[in-house]
Amino acid sequence: MTALRCINTCYMPTGAKPKKGRSPEVERFEDVEGEDLFEVEEYRVEEFLATSNFVANQDRR
């Protein structure tokens, strides 16, 4: 898992295969507190970064 900082509220596909005739399922990622952190599976990091709604977490506390 990788922590990414959300800079804009957005919807991302869950990656689950939709049932026949249905729209893909999406998950809301909300920037409530101002740049909230979300844990993302390693294989989806590039997908999230490509939206420009997430940036790599530089805070290594």
PDB file of N, CA and C in Angstrom:
ATOM      1  N   MET A   1       0.847  -1.181   0.000  1.00  0.00           N
ATOM      2  CA  MET A   1       0.000   0.000   0.000  1.00  0.00           C
ATOM      3  C   MET A   1       0.894   1.246   0.000  1.00  0.00           C
ATOM      4  N   THR A   2       0.402   2.248  -0.715  1.00  0.00           N
ATOM      5  CA  THR A   2       1.113   3.514  -0.823  1.00  0.00           C
ATOM      6  C   THR A   2       0.170   4.639  -0.431  1.00  0.00           C
ATOM      7  N   ALA A   3       0.652   5.570   0.379  1.00  0.00           N
ATOM      8  CA  ALA A   3      -0.164   6.718   0.773  1.00  0.00           C
ATOM      9  C   ALA A   3      -0.078   7.788  -0.307  1.00  0.00           C
ATOM     10  N   LEU A   4      -1.244   8.203  -0.806  1.00  0.00           N
ATOM     11  CA  LEU A   4      -1.322   9.292  -1.774  1.00  0.00           C
ATOM     12  C   LEU A   4      -2.159  10.408  -1.171  1.00  0.00           C
ATOM     13  N   ARG A   5      -1.785  11.622  -1.487  1.00  0.00           N
ATOM     14  CA  ARG A   5      -2.486  12.795  -0.977  1.00  0.00           C
ATOM     15  C   ARG A   5      -3.538  13.230  -1.996  1.00  0.00           C
ATOM     16  N   CYS A   6      -4.798  13.272  -1.569  1.00  0.00           N
ATOM     17  CA  CYS A   6      -5.911  13.696  -2.429  1.00  0.00           C
ATOM     18  C   CYS A   6      -5.980  15.224  -2.398  1.00  0.00           C
ATOM     19  N   ILE A   7      -5.924  15.855  -3.570  1.00  0.00           N
ATOM     20  CA  ILE A   7      -5.978  17.315  -3.624  1.00  0.00           C
ATOM     21  C   ILE A   7      -7.296  17.828  -4.208  1.00  0.00           C
ATOM     22  N   ASN A   8      -8.121  16.943  -4.743  1.00  0.00           N
ATOM     23  CA  ASN A   8      -9.450  17.279  -5.266  1.00  0.00           C
ATOM     24  C   ASN A   8     -10.374  16.092  -5.045  1.00  0.00           C
ATOM     25  N   THR A   9     -11.600  16.357  -4.617  1.00  0.00           N
ATOM     26  CA  THR A   9     -12.585  15.290  -4.480  1.00  0.00           C
ATOM     27  C   THR A   9     -12.859  14.690  -5.852  1.00  0.00           C
ATOM     28  N   CYS A  10     -12.879  13.361  -5.931  1.00  0.00           N
ATOM     29  CA  CYS A  10     -13.090  12.698  -7.222  1.00  0.00           C
ATOM     30  C   CYS A  10     -13.671  11.303  -7.010  1.00  0.00           C
ATOM     31  N   TYR A  11     -14.072  10.696  -8.096  1.00  0.00           N
ATOM     32  CA  TYR A  11     -14.582   9.326  -8.102  1.00  0.00           C
ATOM     33  C   TYR A  11     -13.637   8.474  -8.933  1.00  0.00           C
ATOM     34  N   MET A  12     -13.265   7.314  -8.404  1.00  0.00           N
ATOM     35  CA  MET A  12     -12.373   6.396  -9.110  1.00  0.00           C
ATOM     36  C   MET A  12     -13.047   5.034  -9.193  1.00  0.00           C
ATOM     37  N   PRO A  13     -12.853   4.330 -10.316  1.00  0.00           N
ATOM     38  CA  PRO A  13     -13.410   2.979 -10.416  1.00  0.00           C
ATOM     39  C   PRO A  13     -12.796   2.075  -9.355  1.00  0.00           C
ATOM     40  N   THR A  14     -13.600   1.161  -8.828  1.00  0.00           N
ATOM     41  CA  THR A  14     -13.106   0.262  -7.780  1.00  0.00           C
ATOM     42  C   THR A  14     -12.206  -0.826  -8.343  1.00  0.00           C
ATOM     43  N   GLY A  15     -12.314  -1.063  -9.628  1.00  0.00           N
ATOM     44  CA  GLY A  15     -11.543  -2.141 -10.242  1.00  0.00           C
ATOM     45  C   GLY A  15     -12.315  -3.440 -10.286  1.00  0.00           C
ATOM     46  N   ALA A  16     -13.455  -3.483  -9.597  1.00  0.00           N
ATOM     47  CA  ALA A  16     -14.298  -4.680  -9.625  1.00  0.00           C
ATOM     48  C   ALA A  16     -15.005  -4.760 -10.975  1.00  0.00           C
ATOM     49  N   LYS A  17     -15.090  -5.954 -11.510  1.00  0.00           N
ATOM     50  CA  LYS A  17     -15.748  -6.145 -12.797  1.00  0.00           C
ATOM     51  C   LYS A  17     -17.250  -5.912 -12.628  1.00  0.00           C
ATOM     52  N   PRO A  18     -17.825  -4.991 -13.428  1.00  0.00           N
ATOM     53  CA  PRO A  18     -19.265  -4.735 -13.286  1.00  0.00           C
ATOM     54  C   PRO A  18     -20.098  -5.908 -13.792  1.00  0.00           C
ATOM     55  N   LYS A  19     -21.269  -6.063 -13.208  1.00  0.00           N
ATOM     56  CA  LYS A  19     -22.190  -7.102 -13.667  1.00  0.00           C
ATOM     57  C   LYS A  19     -22.701  -6.713 -15.044  1.00  0.00           C
ATOM     58  N   LYS A  20     -23.093  -7.688 -15.808  1.00  0.00           N
ATOM     59  CA  LYS A  20     -23.550  -7.463 -17.176  1.00  0.00           C
ATOM     60  C   LYS A  20     -24.670  -6.417 -17.209  1.00  0.00           C
ATOM     61  N   GLY A  21     -24.488  -5.405 -18.068  1.00  0.00           N
ATOM     62  CA  GLY A  21     -25.484  -4.359 -18.221  1.00  0.00           C
ATOM     63  C   GLY A  21     -25.438  -3.270 -17.166  1.00  0.00           C
ATOM     64  N   ARG A  22     -24.457  -3.301 -16.291  1.00  0.00           N
ATOM     65  CA  ARG A  22     -24.340  -2.310 -15.223  1.00  0.00           C
ATOM     66  C   ARG A  22     -23.127  -1.427 -15.443  1.00  0.00           C
ATOM     67  N   SER A  23     -23.164  -0.257 -14.860  1.00  0.00           N
ATOM     68  CA  SER A  23     -22.031   0.663 -14.913  1.00  0.00           C
ATOM     69  C   SER A  23     -20.956   0.196 -13.938  1.00  0.00           C
ATOM     70  N   PRO A  24     -19.696   0.531 -14.215  1.00  0.00           N
ATOM     71  CA  PRO A  24     -18.625   0.169 -13.273  1.00  0.00           C
ATOM     72  C   PRO A  24     -18.862   0.823 -11.904  1.00  0.00           C
ATOM     73  N   GLU A  25     -18.484   0.122 -10.845  1.00  0.00           N
ATOM     74  CA  GLU A  25     -18.608   0.675  -9.498  1.00  0.00           C
ATOM     75  C   GLU A  25     -17.502   1.697  -9.282  1.00  0.00           C
ATOM     76  N   VAL A  26     -17.844   2.792  -8.597  1.00  0.00           N
ATOM     77  CA  VAL A  26     -16.861   3.829  -8.307  1.00  0.00           C
ATOM     78  C   VAL A  26     -16.817   4.085  -6.808  1.00  0.00           C
ATOM     79  N   GLU A  27     -15.696   4.623  -6.372  1.00  0.00           N
ATOM     80  CA  GLU A  27     -15.499   4.978  -4.969  1.00  0.00           C
ATOM     81  C   GLU A  27     -15.158   6.461  -4.907  1.00  0.00           C
ATOM     82  N   ARG A  28     -15.744   7.156  -3.957  1.00  0.00           N
ATOM     83  CA  ARG A  28     -15.498   8.593  -3.806  1.00  0.00           C
ATOM     84  C   ARG A  28     -14.282   8.805  -2.911  1.00  0.00           C
ATOM     85  N   PHE A  29     -13.378   9.632  -3.373  1.00  0.00           N
ATOM     86  CA  PHE A  29     -12.219  10.046  -2.592  1.00  0.00           C
ATOM     87  C   PHE A  29     -12.397  11.531  -2.337  1.00  0.00           C
ATOM     88  N   GLU A  30     -12.582  11.865  -1.070  1.00  0.00           N
ATOM     89  CA  GLU A  30     -12.965  13.215  -0.719  1.00  0.00           C
ATOM     90  C   GLU A  30     -11.824  13.958  -0.040  1.00  0.00           C
ATOM     91  N   ASP A  31     -11.616  15.185  -0.473  1.00  0.00           N
ATOM     92  CA  ASP A  31     -10.614  16.061   0.122  1.00  0.00           C
ATOM     93  C   ASP A  31     -11.315  16.933   1.167  1.00  0.00           C
ATOM     94  N   VAL A  32     -11.616  16.347   2.333  1.00  0.00           N
ATOM     95  CA  VAL A  32     -12.379  17.033   3.375  1.00  0.00           C
ATOM     96  C   VAL A  32     -11.503  17.975   4.187  1.00  0.00           C
ATOM     97  N   GLU A  33     -10.392  17.469   4.653  1.00  0.00           N
ATOM     98  CA  GLU A  33      -9.515  18.222   5.547  1.00  0.00           C
ATOM     99  C   GLU A  33      -8.474  19.052   4.807  1.00  0.00           C
ATOM    100  N   GLY A  34      -8.488  19.016   3.508  1.00  0.00           N
ATOM    101  CA  GLY A  34      -7.452  19.708   2.738  1.00  0.00           C
ATOM    102  C   GLY A  34      -6.281  18.780   2.566  1.00  0.00           C
ATOM    103  N   GLU A  35      -6.254  18.111   1.438  1.00  0.00           N
ATOM    104  CA  GLU A  35      -5.178  17.181   1.091  1.00  0.00           C
ATOM    105  C   GLU A  35      -5.146  15.960   2.012  1.00  0.00           C
ATOM    106  N   ASP A  36      -6.231  15.236   2.068  1.00  0.00           N
ATOM    107  CA  ASP A  36      -6.334  14.012   2.865  1.00  0.00           C
ATOM    108  C   ASP A  36      -5.502  12.889   2.256  1.00  0.00           C
ATOM    109  N   LEU A  37      -5.028  11.973   3.116  1.00  0.00           N
ATOM    110  CA  LEU A  37      -4.235  10.827   2.669  1.00  0.00           C
ATOM    111  C   LEU A  37      -5.106   9.592   2.517  1.00  0.00           C
ATOM    112  N   PHE A  38      -4.838   8.832   1.455  1.00  0.00           N
ATOM    113  CA  PHE A  38      -5.531   7.570   1.211  1.00  0.00           C
ATOM    114  C   PHE A  38      -4.497   6.502   0.898  1.00  0.00           C
ATOM    115  N   GLU A  39      -4.710   5.299   1.412  1.00  0.00           N
ATOM    116  CA  GLU A  39      -3.849   4.158   1.117  1.00  0.00           C
ATOM    117  C   GLU A  39      -4.338   3.503  -0.171  1.00  0.00           C
ATOM    118  N   VAL A  40      -3.439   3.346  -1.133  1.00  0.00           N
ATOM    119  CA  VAL A  40      -3.778   2.810  -2.451  1.00  0.00           C
ATOM    120  C   VAL A  40      -2.907   1.587  -2.721  1.00  0.00           C
ATOM    121  N   GLU A  41      -3.504   0.557  -3.311  1.00  0.00           N
ATOM    122  CA  GLU A  41      -2.746  -0.639  -3.700  1.00  0.00           C
ATOM    123  C   GLU A  41      -1.640  -0.241  -4.677  1.00  0.00           C
ATOM    124  N   GLU A  42      -0.484  -0.862  -4.547  1.00  0.00           N
ATOM    125  CA  GLU A  42       0.682  -0.535  -5.379  1.00  0.00           C
ATOM    126  C   GLU A  42       0.369  -0.547  -6.873  1.00  0.00           C
ATOM    127  N   TYR A  43      -0.399  -1.533  -7.327  1.00  0.00           N
ATOM    128  CA  TYR A  43      -0.654  -1.664  -8.760  1.00  0.00           C
ATOM    129  C   TYR A  43      -1.572  -0.564  -9.308  1.00  0.00           C
ATOM    130  N   ARG A  44      -2.191   0.239  -8.437  1.00  0.00           N
ATOM    131  CA  ARG A  44      -3.094   1.308  -8.890  1.00  0.00           C
ATOM    132  C   ARG A  44      -2.520   2.706  -8.707  1.00  0.00           C
ATOM    133  N   VAL A  45      -1.305   2.819  -8.180  1.00  0.00           N
ATOM    134  CA  VAL A  45      -0.714   4.131  -7.898  1.00  0.00           C
ATOM    135  C   VAL A  45      -0.642   4.996  -9.158  1.00  0.00           C
ATOM    136  N   GLU A  46      -0.119   4.467 -10.253  1.00  0.00           N
ATOM    137  CA  GLU A  46       0.012   5.251 -11.488  1.00  0.00           C
ATOM    138  C   GLU A  46      -1.348   5.709 -12.000  1.00  0.00           C
ATOM    139  N   GLU A  47      -2.353   4.854 -11.882  1.00  0.00           N
ATOM    140  CA  GLU A  47      -3.716   5.198 -12.307  1.00  0.00           C
ATOM    141  C   GLU A  47      -4.235   6.405 -11.522  1.00  0.00           C
ATOM    142  N   PHE A  48      -4.011   6.407 -10.206  1.00  0.00           N
ATOM    143  CA  PHE A  48      -4.464   7.506  -9.367  1.00  0.00           C
ATOM    144  C   PHE A  48      -3.688   8.785  -9.666  1.00  0.00           C
ATOM    145  N   LEU A  49      -2.379   8.678  -9.811  1.00  0.00           N
ATOM    146  CA  LEU A  49      -1.563   9.859 -10.091  1.00  0.00           C
ATOM    147  C   LEU A  49      -1.909  10.475 -11.443  1.00  0.00           C
ATOM    148  N   ALA A  50      -2.271   9.651 -12.415  1.00  0.00           N
ATOM    149  CA  ALA A  50      -2.591  10.131 -13.765  1.00  0.00           C
ATOM    150  C   ALA A  50      -3.832  11.024 -13.790  1.00  0.00           C
ATOM    151  N   THR A  51      -4.676  10.960 -12.765  1.00  0.00           N
ATOM    152  CA  THR A  51      -5.890  11.782 -12.734  1.00  0.00           C
ATOM    153  C   THR A  51      -5.600  13.230 -12.351  1.00  0.00           C
ATOM    154  N   SER A  52      -4.439  13.498 -11.808  1.00  0.00           N
ATOM    155  CA  SER A  52      -4.061  14.821 -11.280  1.00  0.00           C
ATOM    156  C   SER A  52      -4.879  15.211 -10.049  1.00  0.00           C
ATOM    157  N   ASN A  53      -5.625  14.279  -9.487  1.00  0.00           N
ATOM    158  CA  ASN A  53      -6.369  14.517  -8.251  1.00  0.00           C
ATOM    159  C   ASN A  53      -5.604  14.012  -7.032  1.00  0.00           C
ATOM    160  N   PHE A  54      -4.491  13.329  -7.272  1.00  0.00           N
ATOM    161  CA  PHE A  54      -3.659  12.772  -6.211  1.00  0.00           C
ATOM    162  C   PHE A  54      -2.202  13.096  -6.491  1.00  0.00           C
ATOM    163  N   VAL A  55      -1.431  13.251  -5.427  1.00  0.00           N
ATOM    164  CA  VAL A  55       0.010  13.426  -5.542  1.00  0.00           C
ATOM    165  C   VAL A  55       0.675  12.483  -4.542  1.00  0.00           C
ATOM    166  N   ALA A  56       1.922  12.173  -4.800  1.00  0.00           N
ATOM    167  CA  ALA A  56       2.675  11.315  -3.886  1.00  0.00           C
ATOM    168  C   ALA A  56       2.806  12.021  -2.540  1.00  0.00           C
ATOM    169  N   ASN A  57       2.722  11.261  -1.465  1.00  0.00           N
ATOM    170  CA  ASN A  57       2.859  11.815  -0.125  1.00  0.00           C
ATOM    171  C   ASN A  57       4.327  12.047   0.170  1.00  0.00           C
ATOM    172  N   GLN A  58       4.699  13.288   0.375  1.00  0.00           N
ATOM    173  CA  GLN A  58       6.092  13.627   0.661  1.00  0.00           C
ATOM    174  C   GLN A  58       6.388  13.672   2.157  1.00  0.00           C
ATOM    175  N   ASP A  59       5.348  13.643   2.983  1.00  0.00           N
ATOM    176  CA  ASP A  59       5.494  13.703   4.437  1.00  0.00           C
ATOM    177  C   ASP A  59       5.857  12.323   4.960  1.00  0.00           C
ATOM    178  N   ARG A  60       7.065  12.131   5.432  1.00  0.00           N
ATOM    179  CA  ARG A  60       7.555  10.820   5.895  1.00  0.00           C
ATOM    180  C   ARG A  60       7.699  10.766   7.408  1.00  0.00           C
ATOM    181  N   ARG A  61       6.773  11.328   8.165  1.00  0.00           N
ATOM    182  CA  ARG A  61       6.863  11.356   9.628  1.00  0.00           C
ATOM    183  C   ARG A  61       6.940  10.002  10.227  1.00  0.00           C
TER     184      ARG A  61
END
